[in-house]
Amino acid sequence: MTKHIPNTITCLNLLSGCLAVVFAFSANYPAVVACIAASAVFDFCDGLAARLLHAYSPMGKELDSLADLVSFGLAPAVMSYNILLATLPATYAWVAYATMLIPVFAALRLAKFNIDDTQTTTFRGLPVPANALWWLGACELLVNNNNTATLVCFVASIFVFSFLMVSNIPMFSLKFKGLGWRGNEVRYVMIVVSVALLAFQGISGFAPIIGLYVLKSLLGLGSKTA
């Protein structure tokens, strides 16, 4: 019975992602944020449950990737597309289609991850859940700061984060080694910092959170603490 618990949690991830896509098409962005955030929680919990219950399975690995593609690839892309389309001058509306690179590169990232057995304590390339959280924060920043600089940075980040997902850059893994403090120090610190940023900045706090995560990984700190 316990072997089905992680897959059930993964299905909740997928369900939340599907709802996020529906809400994105109807421009209900607070609901999109809530659904993607719920998907991130479920994605964290299914892996934790699998480790604690020793309930790993090839099916669970594939199901997790399919759920992540919808929740962290397609959903933030549709949200970004609609917000960018509403922000861009009519002459440059075609630029909004660039957001479709997000699910394409997310799929490449997930496929690459599934055939790479070395990504256990560290990742190669930006994980797609982290990519999705970046877009939640970036969309909020664009809505609240509708100016040329923010718009240019938003569009540029489409290409930057697409590259990061398929790169071979070592990225710190937030997968917990049990629930104890030892071996998880940096992970708990990251959670505390993230909660503080979200408390002070709201949804837009996801952007600096992921920015710090990427910066820490680029500085090589991820591989030392994994």
C-alpha atoms as a PDB file:
ATOM      1  CA  MET A   1       0.000   0.000   0.000  1.00  0.00           C
ATOM      2  CA  THR A   2       2.797   2.411   0.918  1.00  0.00           C
ATOM      3  CA  LYS A   3       4.355   2.099  -2.557  1.00  0.00           C
ATOM      4  CA  HIS A   4       1.364   3.954  -4.017  1.00  0.00           C
ATOM      5  CA  ILE A   5       1.689   6.968  -1.693  1.00  0.00           C
ATOM      6  CA  PRO A   6       4.454   8.779  -3.655  1.00  0.00           C
ATOM      7  CA  ASN A   7       2.637   8.273  -6.987  1.00  0.00           C
ATOM      8  CA  THR A   8      -0.604   9.560  -5.472  1.00  0.00           C
ATOM      9  CA  ILE A   9       1.186  12.718  -4.349  1.00  0.00           C
ATOM     10  CA  THR A  10       2.679  13.053  -7.847  1.00  0.00           C
ATOM     11  CA  CYS A  11      -0.803  12.849  -9.345  1.00  0.00           C
ATOM     12  CA  LEU A  12      -1.844  15.715  -7.078  1.00  0.00           C
ATOM     13  CA  ASN A  13       1.093  17.647  -8.529  1.00  0.00           C
ATOM     14  CA  LEU A  14      -0.209  16.971 -12.045  1.00  0.00           C
ATOM     15  CA  LEU A  15      -3.784  17.878 -11.102  1.00  0.00           C
ATOM     16  CA  SER A  16      -2.630  21.195  -9.649  1.00  0.00           C
ATOM     17  CA  GLY A  17      -0.633  21.858 -12.791  1.00  0.00           C
ATOM     18  CA  CYS A  18      -3.623  21.209 -15.031  1.00  0.00           C
ATOM     19  CA  LEU A  19      -5.708  23.604 -12.958  1.00  0.00           C
ATOM     20  CA  ALA A  20      -2.922  26.191 -13.214  1.00  0.00           C
ATOM     21  CA  VAL A  21      -3.084  25.990 -17.022  1.00  0.00           C
ATOM     22  CA  VAL A  22      -6.868  26.454 -16.965  1.00  0.00           C
ATOM     23  CA  PHE A  23      -6.586  29.462 -14.655  1.00  0.00           C
ATOM     24  CA  ALA A  24      -3.768  30.923 -16.786  1.00  0.00           C
ATOM     25  CA  PHE A  25      -5.979  30.872 -19.889  1.00  0.00           C
ATOM     26  CA  SER A  26      -8.685  32.701 -17.948  1.00  0.00           C
ATOM     27  CA  ALA A  27      -6.149  35.252 -16.599  1.00  0.00           C
ATOM     28  CA  ASN A  28      -6.834  34.272 -12.977  1.00  0.00           C
ATOM     29  CA  TYR A  29      -3.212  34.767 -11.966  1.00  0.00           C
ATOM     30  CA  PRO A  30      -3.574  34.468  -8.175  1.00  0.00           C
ATOM     31  CA  ALA A  31      -5.107  31.029  -8.757  1.00  0.00           C
ATOM     32  CA  VAL A  32      -2.247  30.130 -11.115  1.00  0.00           C
ATOM     33  CA  VAL A  33       0.277  31.063  -8.445  1.00  0.00           C
ATOM     34  CA  ALA A  34      -1.587  29.043  -5.820  1.00  0.00           C
ATOM     35  CA  CYS A  35      -1.776  25.967  -8.063  1.00  0.00           C
ATOM     36  CA  ILE A  36       1.885  26.081  -9.105  1.00  0.00           C
ATOM     37  CA  ALA A  37       2.918  26.613  -5.490  1.00  0.00           C
ATOM     38  CA  ALA A  38       0.787  23.598  -4.526  1.00  0.00           C
ATOM     39  CA  SER A  39       2.447  21.579  -7.296  1.00  0.00           C
ATOM     40  CA  ALA A  40       5.870  22.535  -5.916  1.00  0.00           C
ATOM     41  CA  VAL A  41       4.843  21.321  -2.457  1.00  0.00           C
ATOM     42  CA  PHE A  42       3.525  18.045  -3.879  1.00  0.00           C
ATOM     43  CA  ASP A  43       6.698  17.630  -5.975  1.00  0.00           C
ATOM     44  CA  PHE A  44       8.805  18.057  -2.849  1.00  0.00           C
ATOM     45  CA  CYS A  45       6.638  15.688  -0.821  1.00  0.00           C
ATOM     46  CA  ASP A  46       6.485  12.851  -3.352  1.00  0.00           C
ATOM     47  CA  GLY A  47      10.267  12.581  -3.454  1.00  0.00           C
ATOM     48  CA  LEU A  48      10.499  12.806   0.320  1.00  0.00           C
ATOM     49  CA  ALA A  49       7.812  10.139   0.707  1.00  0.00           C
ATOM     50  CA  ALA A  50       9.584   7.859  -1.759  1.00  0.00           C
ATOM     51  CA  ARG A  51      12.844   8.167   0.188  1.00  0.00           C
ATOM     52  CA  LEU A  52      11.281   7.698   3.611  1.00  0.00           C
ATOM     53  CA  LEU A  53       9.130   4.756   2.499  1.00  0.00           C
ATOM     54  CA  HIS A  54      11.760   3.280   0.161  1.00  0.00           C
ATOM     55  CA  ALA A  55       9.073   3.269  -2.518  1.00  0.00           C
ATOM     56  CA  TYR A  56      11.094   4.032  -5.627  1.00  0.00           C
ATOM     57  CA  SER A  57       9.851   2.783  -8.995  1.00  0.00           C
ATOM     58  CA  PRO A  58      10.568   3.428 -12.701  1.00  0.00           C
ATOM     59  CA  MET A  59       6.910   4.352 -13.140  1.00  0.00           C
ATOM     60  CA  GLY A  60       7.157   6.925 -10.365  1.00  0.00           C
ATOM     61  CA  LYS A  61      10.170   8.534 -12.028  1.00  0.00           C
ATOM     62  CA  GLU A  62       8.411   8.854 -15.384  1.00  0.00           C
ATOM     63  CA  LEU A  63       5.144  10.025 -13.809  1.00  0.00           C
ATOM     64  CA  ASP A  64       7.010  12.695 -11.886  1.00  0.00           C
ATOM     65  CA  SER A  65       8.537  14.069 -15.092  1.00  0.00           C
ATOM     66  CA  LEU A  66       5.198  14.137 -16.900  1.00  0.00           C
ATOM     67  CA  ALA A  67       3.618  16.004 -13.991  1.00  0.00           C
ATOM     68  CA  ASP A  68       6.523  18.445 -13.783  1.00  0.00           C
ATOM     69  CA  LEU A  69       6.314  19.257 -17.493  1.00  0.00           C
ATOM     70  CA  VAL A  70       2.715  20.405 -17.080  1.00  0.00           C
ATOM     71  CA  SER A  71       3.057  22.083 -13.677  1.00  0.00           C
ATOM     72  CA  PHE A  72       6.452  23.722 -14.110  1.00  0.00           C
ATOM     73  CA  GLY A  73       6.783  23.971 -17.876  1.00  0.00           C
ATOM     74  CA  LEU A  74       3.444  24.575 -19.547  1.00  0.00           C
ATOM     75  CA  ALA A  75       1.599  26.390 -16.729  1.00  0.00           C
ATOM     76  CA  PRO A  76       4.203  29.149 -16.138  1.00  0.00           C
ATOM     77  CA  ALA A  77       4.652  29.499 -19.912  1.00  0.00           C
ATOM     78  CA  VAL A  78       0.942  30.157 -20.501  1.00  0.00           C
ATOM     79  CA  MET A  79       0.893  32.615 -17.603  1.00  0.00           C
ATOM     80  CA  SER A  80       4.008  34.381 -18.925  1.00  0.00           C
ATOM     81  CA  TYR A  81       2.602  34.463 -22.448  1.00  0.00           C
ATOM     82  CA  ASN A  82      -0.653  36.159 -21.407  1.00  0.00           C
ATOM     83  CA  ILE A  83       1.065  38.696 -19.153  1.00  0.00           C
ATOM     84  CA  LEU A  84       3.739  39.497 -21.743  1.00  0.00           C
ATOM     85  CA  LEU A  85       1.139  39.810 -24.499  1.00  0.00           C
ATOM     86  CA  ALA A  86      -0.825  42.287 -22.408  1.00  0.00           C
ATOM     87  CA  THR A  87       2.323  44.293 -21.635  1.00  0.00           C
ATOM     88  CA  LEU A  88       4.031  44.489 -25.022  1.00  0.00           C
ATOM     89  CA  PRO A  89       3.176  47.195 -27.572  1.00  0.00           C
ATOM     90  CA  ALA A  90       0.970  45.770 -30.345  1.00  0.00           C
ATOM     91  CA  THR A  91       3.839  46.017 -32.841  1.00  0.00           C
ATOM     92  CA  TYR A  92       5.916  43.602 -30.766  1.00  0.00           C
ATOM     93  CA  ALA A  93       3.153  41.231 -29.706  1.00  0.00           C
ATOM     94  CA  TRP A  94       4.864  38.397 -31.597  1.00  0.00           C
ATOM     95  CA  VAL A  95       7.666  38.437 -28.998  1.00  0.00           C
ATOM     96  CA  ALA A  96       5.272  36.817 -26.517  1.00  0.00           C
ATOM     97  CA  TYR A  97       5.559  33.546 -28.456  1.00  0.00           C
ATOM     98  CA  ALA A  98       9.105  33.235 -27.109  1.00  0.00           C
ATOM     99  CA  THR A  99       7.562  32.062 -23.834  1.00  0.00           C
ATOM    100  CA  MET A 100       6.779  28.741 -25.527  1.00  0.00           C
ATOM    101  CA  LEU A 101      10.491  27.965 -25.234  1.00  0.00           C
ATOM    102  CA  ILE A 102       9.870  27.429 -21.514  1.00  0.00           C
ATOM    103  CA  PRO A 103       7.969  24.101 -21.825  1.00  0.00           C
ATOM    104  CA  VAL A 104      10.160  22.980 -24.746  1.00  0.00           C
ATOM    105  CA  PHE A 105      13.368  23.333 -22.747  1.00  0.00           C
ATOM    106  CA  ALA A 106      11.641  21.983 -19.638  1.00  0.00           C
ATOM    107  CA  ALA A 107      10.861  18.803 -21.598  1.00  0.00           C
ATOM    108  CA  LEU A 108      14.484  18.566 -22.735  1.00  0.00           C
ATOM    109  CA  ARG A 109      15.660  19.071 -19.156  1.00  0.00           C
ATOM    110  CA  LEU A 110      13.372  16.347 -17.808  1.00  0.00           C
ATOM    111  CA  ALA A 111      14.284  13.865 -20.545  1.00  0.00           C
ATOM    112  CA  LYS A 112      17.960  14.536 -19.896  1.00  0.00           C
ATOM    113  CA  PHE A 113      17.459  14.037 -16.162  1.00  0.00           C
ATOM    114  CA  ASN A 114      15.671  10.707 -16.629  1.00  0.00           C
ATOM    115  CA  ILE A 115      18.586   9.114 -18.473  1.00  0.00           C
ATOM    116  CA  ASP A 116      21.290  10.520 -16.185  1.00  0.00           C
ATOM    117  CA  ASP A 117      21.942   8.397 -13.099  1.00  0.00           C
ATOM    118  CA  THR A 118      24.511  10.824 -11.696  1.00  0.00           C
ATOM    119  CA  GLN A 119      21.988  13.484 -10.634  1.00  0.00           C
ATOM    120  CA  THR A 120      21.192  12.226  -7.173  1.00  0.00           C
ATOM    121  CA  THR A 121      22.713  14.735  -4.727  1.00  0.00           C
ATOM    122  CA  THR A 122      23.301  17.500  -7.272  1.00  0.00           C
ATOM    123  CA  PHE A 123      21.578  18.511 -10.504  1.00  0.00           C
ATOM    124  CA  ARG A 124      23.033  19.272 -13.900  1.00  0.00           C
ATOM    125  CA  GLY A 125      21.083  22.245 -15.141  1.00  0.00           C
ATOM    126  CA  LEU A 126      18.309  24.220 -13.485  1.00  0.00           C
ATOM    127  CA  PRO A 127      15.497  21.979 -12.139  1.00  0.00           C
ATOM    128  CA  VAL A 128      12.138  22.762 -13.743  1.00  0.00           C
ATOM    129  CA  PRO A 129      10.369  23.493 -10.404  1.00  0.00           C
ATOM    130  CA  ALA A 130      12.950  26.220  -9.721  1.00  0.00           C
ATOM    131  CA  ASN A 131      12.381  27.546 -13.234  1.00  0.00           C
ATOM    132  CA  ALA A 132       8.625  27.748 -12.587  1.00  0.00           C
ATOM    133  CA  LEU A 133       9.101  29.628  -9.327  1.00  0.00           C
ATOM    134  CA  TRP A 134      11.296  32.138 -11.137  1.00  0.00           C
ATOM    135  CA  TRP A 135       8.463  32.855 -13.571  1.00  0.00           C
ATOM    136  CA  LEU A 136       5.971  33.348 -10.770  1.00  0.00           C
ATOM    137  CA  GLY A 137       8.194  36.048  -9.327  1.00  0.00           C
ATOM    138  CA  ALA A 138       9.131  37.527 -12.707  1.00  0.00           C
ATOM    139  CA  CYS A 139       5.491  37.805 -13.797  1.00  0.00           C
ATOM    140  CA  GLU A 140       4.595  39.576 -10.562  1.00  0.00           C
ATOM    141  CA  LEU A 141       7.499  41.991 -11.014  1.00  0.00           C
ATOM    142  CA  LEU A 142       6.456  42.745 -14.599  1.00  0.00           C
ATOM    143  CA  VAL A 143       2.854  43.411 -13.594  1.00  0.00           C
ATOM    144  CA  ASN A 144       3.930  45.735 -10.767  1.00  0.00           C
ATOM    145  CA  ASN A 145       6.759  47.431 -12.683  1.00  0.00           C
ATOM    146  CA  ASN A 146       5.558  47.878 -16.237  1.00  0.00           C
ATOM    147  CA  ASN A 147       8.562  49.669 -17.699  1.00  0.00           C
ATOM    148  CA  THR A 148      10.990  49.074 -20.537  1.00  0.00           C
ATOM    149  CA  ALA A 149      13.844  47.824 -18.336  1.00  0.00           C
ATOM    150  CA  THR A 150      11.686  45.218 -16.597  1.00  0.00           C
ATOM    151  CA  LEU A 151      10.181  44.145 -19.913  1.00  0.00           C
ATOM    152  CA  VAL A 152      13.597  43.688 -21.542  1.00  0.00           C
ATOM    153  CA  CYS A 153      14.866  41.715 -18.546  1.00  0.00           C
ATOM    154  CA  PHE A 154      11.736  39.547 -18.620  1.00  0.00           C
ATOM    155  CA  VAL A 155      12.199  38.653 -22.291  1.00  0.00           C
ATOM    156  CA  ALA A 156      15.941  38.104 -21.866  1.00  0.00           C
ATOM    157  CA  SER A 157      15.316  35.756 -18.930  1.00  0.00           C
ATOM    158  CA  ILE A 158      13.303  33.462 -21.235  1.00  0.00           C
ATOM    159  CA  PHE A 159      16.491  32.633 -23.101  1.00  0.00           C
ATOM    160  CA  VAL A 160      18.719  32.659 -20.014  1.00  0.00           C
ATOM    161  CA  PHE A 161      16.548  30.248 -18.044  1.00  0.00           C
ATOM    162  CA  SER A 162      15.933  28.022 -21.062  1.00  0.00           C
ATOM    163  CA  PHE A 163      19.704  27.678 -21.390  1.00  0.00           C
ATOM    164  CA  LEU A 164      20.137  27.058 -17.657  1.00  0.00           C
ATOM    165  CA  MET A 165      17.680  24.156 -17.751  1.00  0.00           C
ATOM    166  CA  VAL A 166      19.647  22.219 -20.372  1.00  0.00           C
ATOM    167  CA  SER A 167      23.130  23.293 -19.290  1.00  0.00           C
ATOM    168  CA  ASN A 168      25.604  21.049 -17.501  1.00  0.00           C
ATOM    169  CA  ILE A 169      26.095  23.544 -14.684  1.00  0.00           C
ATOM    170  CA  PRO A 170      25.997  21.751 -11.291  1.00  0.00           C
ATOM    171  CA  MET A 171      22.999  22.947  -9.303  1.00  0.00           C
ATOM    172  CA  PHE A 172      22.411  22.449  -5.602  1.00  0.00           C
ATOM    173  CA  SER A 173      19.766  19.847  -4.789  1.00  0.00           C
ATOM    174  CA  LEU A 174      17.096  20.547  -2.167  1.00  0.00           C
ATOM    175  CA  LYS A 175      16.392  16.832  -1.773  1.00  0.00           C
ATOM    176  CA  PHE A 176      16.529  16.170   1.966  1.00  0.00           C
ATOM    177  CA  LYS A 177      18.614  13.340   3.384  1.00  0.00           C
ATOM    178  CA  GLY A 178      15.995  12.513   5.989  1.00  0.00           C
ATOM    179  CA  LEU A 179      14.615  15.216   8.286  1.00  0.00           C
ATOM    180  CA  GLY A 180      17.644  15.735  10.556  1.00  0.00           C
ATOM    181  CA  TRP A 181      19.808  18.861  10.644  1.00  0.00           C
ATOM    182  CA  ARG A 182      23.111  17.146   9.801  1.00  0.00           C
ATOM    183  CA  GLY A 183      23.627  17.038   6.064  1.00  0.00           C
ATOM    184  CA  ASN A 184      20.635  19.315   5.485  1.00  0.00           C
ATOM    185  CA  GLU A 185      22.009  22.550   6.984  1.00  0.00           C
ATOM    186  CA  VAL A 186      22.081  24.531   3.738  1.00  0.00           C
ATOM    187  CA  ARG A 187      18.669  23.223   2.724  1.00  0.00           C
ATOM    188  CA  TYR A 188      17.071  24.445   5.947  1.00  0.00           C
ATOM    189  CA  VAL A 189      18.824  27.821   5.609  1.00  0.00           C
ATOM    190  CA  MET A 190      17.474  28.120   2.067  1.00  0.00           C
ATOM    191  CA  ILE A 191      13.960  27.448   3.335  1.00  0.00           C
ATOM    192  CA  VAL A 192      14.267  30.093   6.073  1.00  0.00           C
ATOM    193  CA  VAL A 193      15.634  32.693   3.625  1.00  0.00           C
ATOM    194  CA  SER A 194      12.884  31.867   1.147  1.00  0.00           C
ATOM    195  CA  VAL A 195      10.146  32.260   3.749  1.00  0.00           C
ATOM    196  CA  ALA A 196      11.611  35.615   4.804  1.00  0.00           C
ATOM    197  CA  LEU A 197      11.764  36.926   1.222  1.00  0.00           C
ATOM    198  CA  LEU A 198       8.212  35.816   0.513  1.00  0.00           C
ATOM    199  CA  ALA A 199       7.010  37.403   3.747  1.00  0.00           C
ATOM    200  CA  PHE A 200       8.531  40.776   2.831  1.00  0.00           C
ATOM    201  CA  GLN A 201       8.102  40.793  -0.961  1.00  0.00           C
ATOM    202  CA  GLY A 202       5.148  38.511  -1.599  1.00  0.00           C
ATOM    203  CA  ILE A 203       5.032  36.507  -4.832  1.00  0.00           C
ATOM    204  CA  SER A 204       7.733  38.650  -6.436  1.00  0.00           C
ATOM    205  CA  GLY A 205      10.092  37.238  -3.780  1.00  0.00           C
ATOM    206  CA  PHE A 206      10.351  34.040  -5.816  1.00  0.00           C
ATOM    207  CA  ALA A 207      12.556  35.863  -8.347  1.00  0.00           C
ATOM    208  CA  PRO A 208      15.358  36.763  -5.897  1.00  0.00           C
ATOM    209  CA  ILE A 209      15.028  33.356  -4.240  1.00  0.00           C
ATOM    210  CA  ILE A 210      15.753  31.546  -7.499  1.00  0.00           C
ATOM    211  CA  GLY A 211      18.320  34.178  -8.440  1.00  0.00           C
ATOM    212  CA  LEU A 212      20.203  33.451  -5.205  1.00  0.00           C
ATOM    213  CA  TYR A 213      19.866  29.712  -5.798  1.00  0.00           C
ATOM    214  CA  VAL A 214      21.371  30.019  -9.276  1.00  0.00           C
ATOM    215  CA  LEU A 215      24.127  32.328  -8.046  1.00  0.00           C
ATOM    216  CA  LYS A 216      25.028  29.951  -5.223  1.00  0.00           C
ATOM    217  CA  SER A 217      25.199  27.073  -7.657  1.00  0.00           C
ATOM    218  CA  LEU A 218      27.310  29.040 -10.157  1.00  0.00           C
ATOM    219  CA  LEU A 219      29.768  29.870  -7.371  1.00  0.00           C
ATOM    220  CA  GLY A 220      30.242  26.153  -6.822  1.00  0.00           C
ATOM    221  CA  LEU A 221      28.694  26.032  -3.363  1.00  0.00           C
ATOM    222  CA  GLY A 222      26.096  23.468  -4.402  1.00  0.00           C
ATOM    223  CA  SER A 223      28.507  20.631  -5.049  1.00  0.00           C
ATOM    224  CA  LYS A 224      30.264  21.231  -1.727  1.00  0.00           C
ATOM    225  CA  THR A 225      27.127  20.975   0.340  1.00  0.00           C
ATOM    226  CA  ALA A 226      25.384  18.135  -1.449  1.00  0.00           C
END
